[in-house]
């Protein structure tokens, strides 16, 4: 029993030390800019007073958390804080400008094809109706963050060209040129892994974690005008939600949380015998 307890204490001591090393690396990252390189492995291990094997393990965890990137043959680089994606109707351009970053878009493909069953169902158009399919790389301060595949009924955006979507907001373009204003969107979010082509364009390893967004948007008259499938780098994005309690709980909630109303509780307590010293 003493031997087992001693092993547990050793293990806890090792875990605590490892967490301390990880936290020291996180503290160092607080003062580092995105893209800045860690000192060489040997130098950093000596500065922290640990073995290179322990340092590698701690850095592996930071890589998994998405706060640093290891480039083989080059070293370890800070990624900067993750960008949080609020669950609200806003454009990528607006989000990046609000963060003080420079938004950008690069059109990788621009095609006019028949909708097909899947896209036709999403956009409420016939399978053989023409849609414009646009693949865009979304950037912030020239860093690739997301791949966006956009489908639009061609009849809604006559004369739309690929260059119209280079480094510009699609929603602003729709409103100014085609009098289409975003009124309502339904969006789903799920985890995914990047395939080889997606990873290459986004500049990350294949099978890297990502967030998959699928969104159908409607205008003022309830007519769908876009279906979008976007993949965002999991090492650079996280989802932010704001949760608030209602001003007043329902009567059912009040009963479940606080018991019966005060009048009922008083009646119930009066029926119970009281200790002699408490009686009037």
Protein backbone atom coordinates (compact mmCIF):
# COMPACT_ATOMS: atom_id res chain seq x y z
CA UNK A 1 0.00 0.00 0.00
CA UNK A 2 2.85 2.35 0.90
CA UNK A 3 4.57 1.47 -2.38
CA UNK A 4 1.42 2.17 -4.40
CA UNK A 5 0.88 5.50 -2.60
CA UNK A 6 4.50 6.44 -3.23
CA UNK A 7 4.09 5.73 -6.97
CA UNK A 8 0.94 7.88 -7.08
CA UNK A 9 2.76 10.75 -5.40
CA UNK A 10 5.63 10.41 -7.90
CA UNK A 11 3.18 10.43 -10.77
CA UNK A 12 1.34 13.47 -9.42
CA UNK A 13 4.64 15.25 -8.96
CA UNK A 14 5.61 14.49 -12.56
CA UNK A 15 2.22 15.66 -13.87
CA UNK A 16 2.40 18.85 -11.82
CA UNK A 17 5.89 19.58 -13.15
CA UNK A 18 4.78 18.92 -16.71
CA UNK A 19 1.80 21.27 -16.30
CA UNK A 20 4.16 23.89 -14.90
CA UNK A 21 6.36 23.62 -17.99
CA UNK A 22 3.31 23.88 -20.26
CA UNK A 23 2.11 26.97 -18.39
CA UNK A 24 5.55 28.57 -18.68
CA UNK A 25 5.41 28.06 -22.44
CA UNK A 26 1.90 29.56 -22.53
CA UNK A 27 3.18 32.55 -20.54
CA UNK A 28 5.97 32.98 -23.08
CA UNK A 29 3.41 32.92 -25.89
CA UNK A 30 1.54 35.85 -24.30
CA UNK A 31 4.39 38.15 -25.30
CA UNK A 32 4.97 36.64 -28.74
CA UNK A 33 3.47 37.88 -31.98
CA UNK A 34 1.80 35.53 -34.46
CA UNK A 35 4.50 33.95 -36.62
CA UNK A 36 7.29 34.59 -34.12
CA UNK A 37 9.64 31.63 -33.61
CA UNK A 38 10.46 29.86 -30.34
CA UNK A 39 14.17 29.67 -29.40
CA UNK A 40 15.99 26.52 -30.60
CA UNK A 41 14.98 23.38 -28.75
CA UNK A 42 18.28 22.91 -26.91
CA UNK A 43 18.37 26.55 -25.79
CA UNK A 44 14.74 26.53 -24.62
CA UNK A 45 15.15 23.25 -22.71
CA UNK A 46 18.22 24.62 -20.90
CA UNK A 47 16.39 27.87 -20.04
CA UNK A 48 13.50 25.90 -18.53
CA UNK A 49 15.78 23.38 -16.81
CA UNK A 50 14.16 20.33 -18.42
CA UNK A 51 15.08 17.57 -20.82
CA UNK A 52 14.47 17.99 -24.52
CA UNK A 53 12.09 15.01 -24.40
CA UNK A 54 9.92 16.76 -21.79
CA UNK A 55 10.00 19.95 -23.83
CA UNK A 56 8.89 18.10 -26.97
CA UNK A 57 5.98 16.57 -25.09
CA UNK A 58 4.87 19.99 -23.81
CA UNK A 59 5.15 21.50 -27.29
CA UNK A 60 3.19 18.54 -28.74
CA UNK A 61 0.33 19.50 -26.42
CA UNK A 62 0.50 23.15 -27.52
CA UNK A 63 0.42 22.00 -31.15
CA UNK A 64 -2.69 19.92 -30.38
CA UNK A 65 -4.29 22.94 -28.68
CA UNK A 66 -3.66 25.02 -31.81
CA UNK A 67 -1.51 27.75 -30.24
CA UNK A 68 1.77 26.88 -31.97
CA UNK A 69 2.78 25.23 -35.21
CA UNK A 70 5.79 22.99 -35.71
CA UNK A 71 7.48 23.29 -39.10
CA UNK A 72 9.85 20.40 -39.69
CA UNK A 73 13.35 21.68 -40.28
CA UNK A 74 12.41 25.23 -39.26
CA UNK A 75 11.21 25.16 -35.65
CA UNK A 76 8.13 26.06 -33.61
CA UNK A 77 6.11 29.22 -34.32
CA UNK A 78 3.42 31.08 -32.38
CA UNK A 79 0.01 31.20 -34.04
CA UNK A 80 -1.48 33.98 -31.95
CA UNK A 81 -4.88 33.80 -30.23
CA UNK A 82 -7.73 31.95 -31.93
CA UNK A 83 -10.35 34.09 -33.62
CA UNK A 84 -13.74 33.57 -32.01
CA UNK A 85 -16.73 33.24 -34.31
CA UNK A 86 -19.88 34.65 -32.69
CA UNK A 87 -23.13 32.88 -33.46
CA UNK A 88 -24.63 35.90 -35.16
CA UNK A 89 -25.45 36.99 -38.70
CA UNK A 90 -22.36 38.86 -39.87
CA UNK A 91 -20.02 38.64 -42.82
CA UNK A 92 -16.41 37.51 -42.75
CA UNK A 93 -15.38 40.99 -43.88
CA UNK A 94 -17.25 42.66 -41.01
CA UNK A 95 -15.78 40.22 -38.48
CA UNK A 96 -12.20 40.82 -39.56
CA UNK A 97 -12.58 44.62 -39.71
CA UNK A 98 -14.07 44.59 -36.21
CA UNK A 99 -10.92 42.79 -35.00
CA UNK A 100 -8.66 45.36 -36.62
CA UNK A 101 -7.50 42.86 -39.24
CA UNK A 102 -7.36 43.27 -43.00
CA UNK A 103 -9.89 40.95 -44.69
CA UNK A 104 -9.15 39.45 -48.07
CA UNK A 105 -10.63 37.03 -50.59
CA UNK A 106 -9.07 35.13 -53.44
CA UNK A 107 -11.36 33.50 -56.01
CA UNK A 108 -10.04 30.02 -56.79
CA UNK A 109 -12.88 28.87 -59.07
CA UNK A 110 -15.93 30.43 -60.75
CA UNK A 111 -18.34 28.17 -62.65
CA UNK A 112 -21.89 28.24 -64.01
CA UNK A 113 -23.54 24.80 -63.83
CA UNK A 114 -26.90 23.14 -63.31
CA UNK A 115 -27.99 23.11 -59.68
CA UNK A 116 -28.53 19.37 -59.33
CA UNK A 117 -30.75 17.78 -56.71
CA UNK A 118 -28.78 18.70 -53.58
CA UNK A 119 -28.16 22.39 -54.32
CA UNK A 120 -31.55 22.78 -56.01
CA UNK A 121 -33.28 21.59 -52.84
CA UNK A 122 -31.28 24.04 -50.71
CA UNK A 123 -32.05 26.99 -52.97
CA UNK A 124 -35.65 25.97 -53.83
CA UNK A 125 -34.95 25.89 -57.56
CA UNK A 126 -35.23 23.21 -60.26
CA UNK A 127 -32.42 20.70 -60.64
CA UNK A 128 -31.60 22.02 -64.13
CA UNK A 129 -31.66 25.71 -63.11
CA UNK A 130 -28.32 27.47 -63.48
CA UNK A 131 -26.29 28.30 -60.39
CA UNK A 132 -23.02 30.16 -60.03
CA UNK A 133 -20.54 28.22 -57.89
CA UNK A 134 -17.65 30.19 -56.45
CA UNK A 135 -14.75 28.82 -54.42
CA UNK A 136 -13.04 31.52 -52.35
CA UNK A 137 -10.07 31.51 -50.02
CA UNK A 138 -10.75 33.85 -47.10
CA UNK A 139 -7.77 35.63 -45.57
CA UNK A 140 -7.04 37.87 -42.58
CA UNK A 141 -3.85 39.93 -42.80
CA UNK A 142 -2.91 37.67 -45.74
CA UNK A 143 -3.17 34.50 -43.61
CA UNK A 144 -5.48 31.79 -45.05
CA UNK A 145 -8.30 31.09 -42.58
CA UNK A 146 -11.14 29.45 -44.48
CA UNK A 147 -12.32 27.94 -47.74
CA UNK A 148 -15.78 29.02 -48.84
CA UNK A 149 -17.89 27.30 -51.51
CA UNK A 150 -20.73 29.61 -52.49
CA UNK A 151 -23.78 28.67 -54.60
CA UNK A 152 -26.10 31.39 -55.98
CA UNK A 153 -29.03 31.11 -58.43
CA UNK A 154 -27.68 32.66 -61.63
CA UNK A 155 -31.02 34.38 -62.32
CA UNK A 156 -30.61 36.53 -59.19
CA UNK A 157 -27.17 37.90 -60.06
CA UNK A 158 -26.95 38.56 -63.82
CA UNK A 159 -23.53 39.73 -65.02
CA UNK A 160 -21.78 38.67 -61.80
CA UNK A 161 -18.07 38.11 -62.47
CA UNK A 162 -15.27 36.45 -60.54
CA UNK A 163 -13.39 39.71 -60.03
CA UNK A 164 -16.44 41.20 -58.29
CA UNK A 165 -15.74 38.97 -55.29
CA UNK A 166 -12.01 39.58 -55.01
CA UNK A 167 -11.31 41.30 -51.67
CA UNK A 168 -14.88 42.49 -51.20
CA UNK A 169 -17.94 41.66 -49.13
CA UNK A 170 -20.44 39.50 -50.98
CA UNK A 171 -23.36 40.84 -48.93
CA UNK A 172 -22.42 44.44 -49.69
CA UNK A 173 -22.20 43.56 -53.38
CA UNK A 174 -25.62 41.88 -53.34
CA UNK A 175 -27.23 44.93 -51.75
CA UNK A 176 -25.56 47.60 -53.88
CA UNK A 177 -25.84 45.90 -57.29
CA UNK A 178 -28.70 43.43 -57.04
CA UNK A 179 -30.89 44.91 -54.29
CA UNK A 180 -30.73 41.68 -52.25
CA UNK A 181 -30.52 42.13 -48.49
CA UNK A 182 -29.83 39.37 -45.97
CA UNK A 183 -32.91 38.82 -43.81
CA UNK A 184 -32.60 35.33 -42.33
CA UNK A 185 -30.06 32.51 -42.25
CA UNK A 186 -30.03 28.94 -41.00
CA UNK A 187 -26.56 27.62 -40.23
CA UNK A 188 -25.16 24.34 -38.95
CA UNK A 189 -21.70 23.78 -37.48
CA UNK A 190 -19.87 20.49 -37.04
CA UNK A 191 -16.27 19.30 -36.62
CA UNK A 192 -14.45 17.86 -39.60
CA UNK A 193 -10.97 17.01 -40.88
CA UNK A 194 -9.34 18.72 -43.84
CA UNK A 195 -8.68 16.61 -46.90
CA UNK A 196 -5.45 16.87 -48.86
CA UNK A 197 -6.64 19.63 -51.23
CA UNK A 198 -8.21 21.76 -48.49
CA UNK A 199 -5.16 21.41 -46.25
CA UNK A 200 -2.79 22.40 -49.07
CA UNK A 201 -4.69 25.61 -49.84
CA UNK A 202 -5.01 26.52 -46.15
CA UNK A 203 -1.35 25.77 -45.47
CA UNK A 204 -1.84 23.15 -42.75
CA UNK A 205 -1.20 19.39 -42.55
CA UNK A 206 -3.70 16.97 -44.08
CA UNK A 207 -6.33 15.69 -41.61
CA UNK A 208 -6.02 18.85 -39.51
CA UNK A 209 -9.16 19.61 -37.46
CA UNK A 210 -11.56 22.16 -38.89
CA UNK A 211 -15.04 23.60 -38.40
CA UNK A 212 -17.57 22.96 -41.15
CA UNK A 213 -20.25 25.63 -41.61
CA UNK A 214 -23.25 25.14 -43.90
CA UNK A 215 -25.59 28.09 -44.31
CA UNK A 216 -28.71 28.87 -46.33
CA UNK A 217 -29.63 32.56 -46.46
CA UNK A 218 -32.87 34.25 -47.50
CA UNK A 219 -33.81 37.76 -48.54
CA UNK A 220 -36.68 39.96 -47.39
CA UNK A 221 -39.29 37.91 -49.29
CA UNK A 222 -38.07 34.62 -47.83
CA UNK A 223 -36.46 33.45 -51.09
CA UNK A 224 -33.11 31.63 -50.67
CA UNK A 225 -30.30 33.46 -52.44
CA UNK A 226 -27.24 31.50 -51.29
CA UNK A 227 -26.07 28.17 -49.99
CA UNK A 228 -22.58 28.25 -48.50
CA UNK A 229 -20.28 25.48 -47.34
CA UNK A 230 -17.21 26.78 -45.50
CA UNK A 231 -14.36 25.06 -43.70
CA UNK A 232 -12.48 27.10 -41.10
CA UNK A 233 -9.11 26.10 -39.69
CA UNK A 234 -9.61 24.53 -36.28
CA UNK A 235 -6.25 25.85 -35.06
CA UNK A 236 -7.31 29.46 -35.72
CA UNK A 237 -11.03 29.48 -34.99
CA UNK A 238 -13.32 28.80 -32.07
CA UNK A 239 -17.05 29.36 -31.54
CA UNK A 240 -18.29 31.93 -29.03
CA UNK A 241 -21.82 31.95 -27.58
CA UNK A 242 -23.38 34.32 -25.10
CA UNK A 243 -25.86 32.71 -22.73
CA UNK A 244 -28.34 34.77 -20.71
CA UNK A 245 -31.09 33.84 -18.29
CA UNK A 246 -34.62 35.12 -18.92
CA UNK A 247 -35.72 38.04 -16.75
CA UNK A 248 -38.50 36.03 -15.16
CA UNK A 249 -38.65 32.29 -14.64
CA UNK A 250 -41.89 30.53 -15.43
CA UNK A 251 -44.06 29.37 -12.53
CA UNK A 252 -43.06 25.77 -13.24
CA UNK A 253 -39.36 26.69 -13.09
CA UNK A 254 -39.88 28.59 -9.85
CA UNK A 255 -41.59 25.60 -8.25
CA UNK A 256 -38.83 23.23 -9.35
CA UNK A 257 -36.04 25.53 -8.12
CA UNK A 258 -37.45 27.03 -4.92
CA UNK A 259 -40.27 24.72 -3.89
CA UNK A 260 -43.92 25.70 -3.42
CA UNK A 261 -44.94 29.36 -3.12
CA UNK A 262 -44.42 31.03 0.25
CA UNK A 263 -48.12 30.78 1.26
CA UNK A 264 -48.13 27.01 0.70
CA UNK A 265 -44.87 26.55 2.57
CA UNK A 266 -46.23 28.49 5.57
CA UNK A 267 -49.35 26.34 5.69
CA UNK A 268 -47.29 23.18 5.49
CA UNK A 269 -44.98 24.22 8.30
CA UNK A 270 -47.87 25.13 10.59
CA UNK A 271 -49.09 21.57 10.43
CA UNK A 272 -45.80 20.22 11.79
CA UNK A 273 -45.29 19.92 15.55
CA UNK A 274 -42.88 22.57 16.85
CA UNK A 275 -40.21 22.07 19.51
CA UNK A 276 -41.34 23.19 22.95
CA UNK A 277 -38.88 26.06 23.15
CA UNK A 278 -40.10 27.54 19.83
CA UNK A 279 -43.78 27.71 20.72
CA UNK A 280 -45.24 31.10 21.55
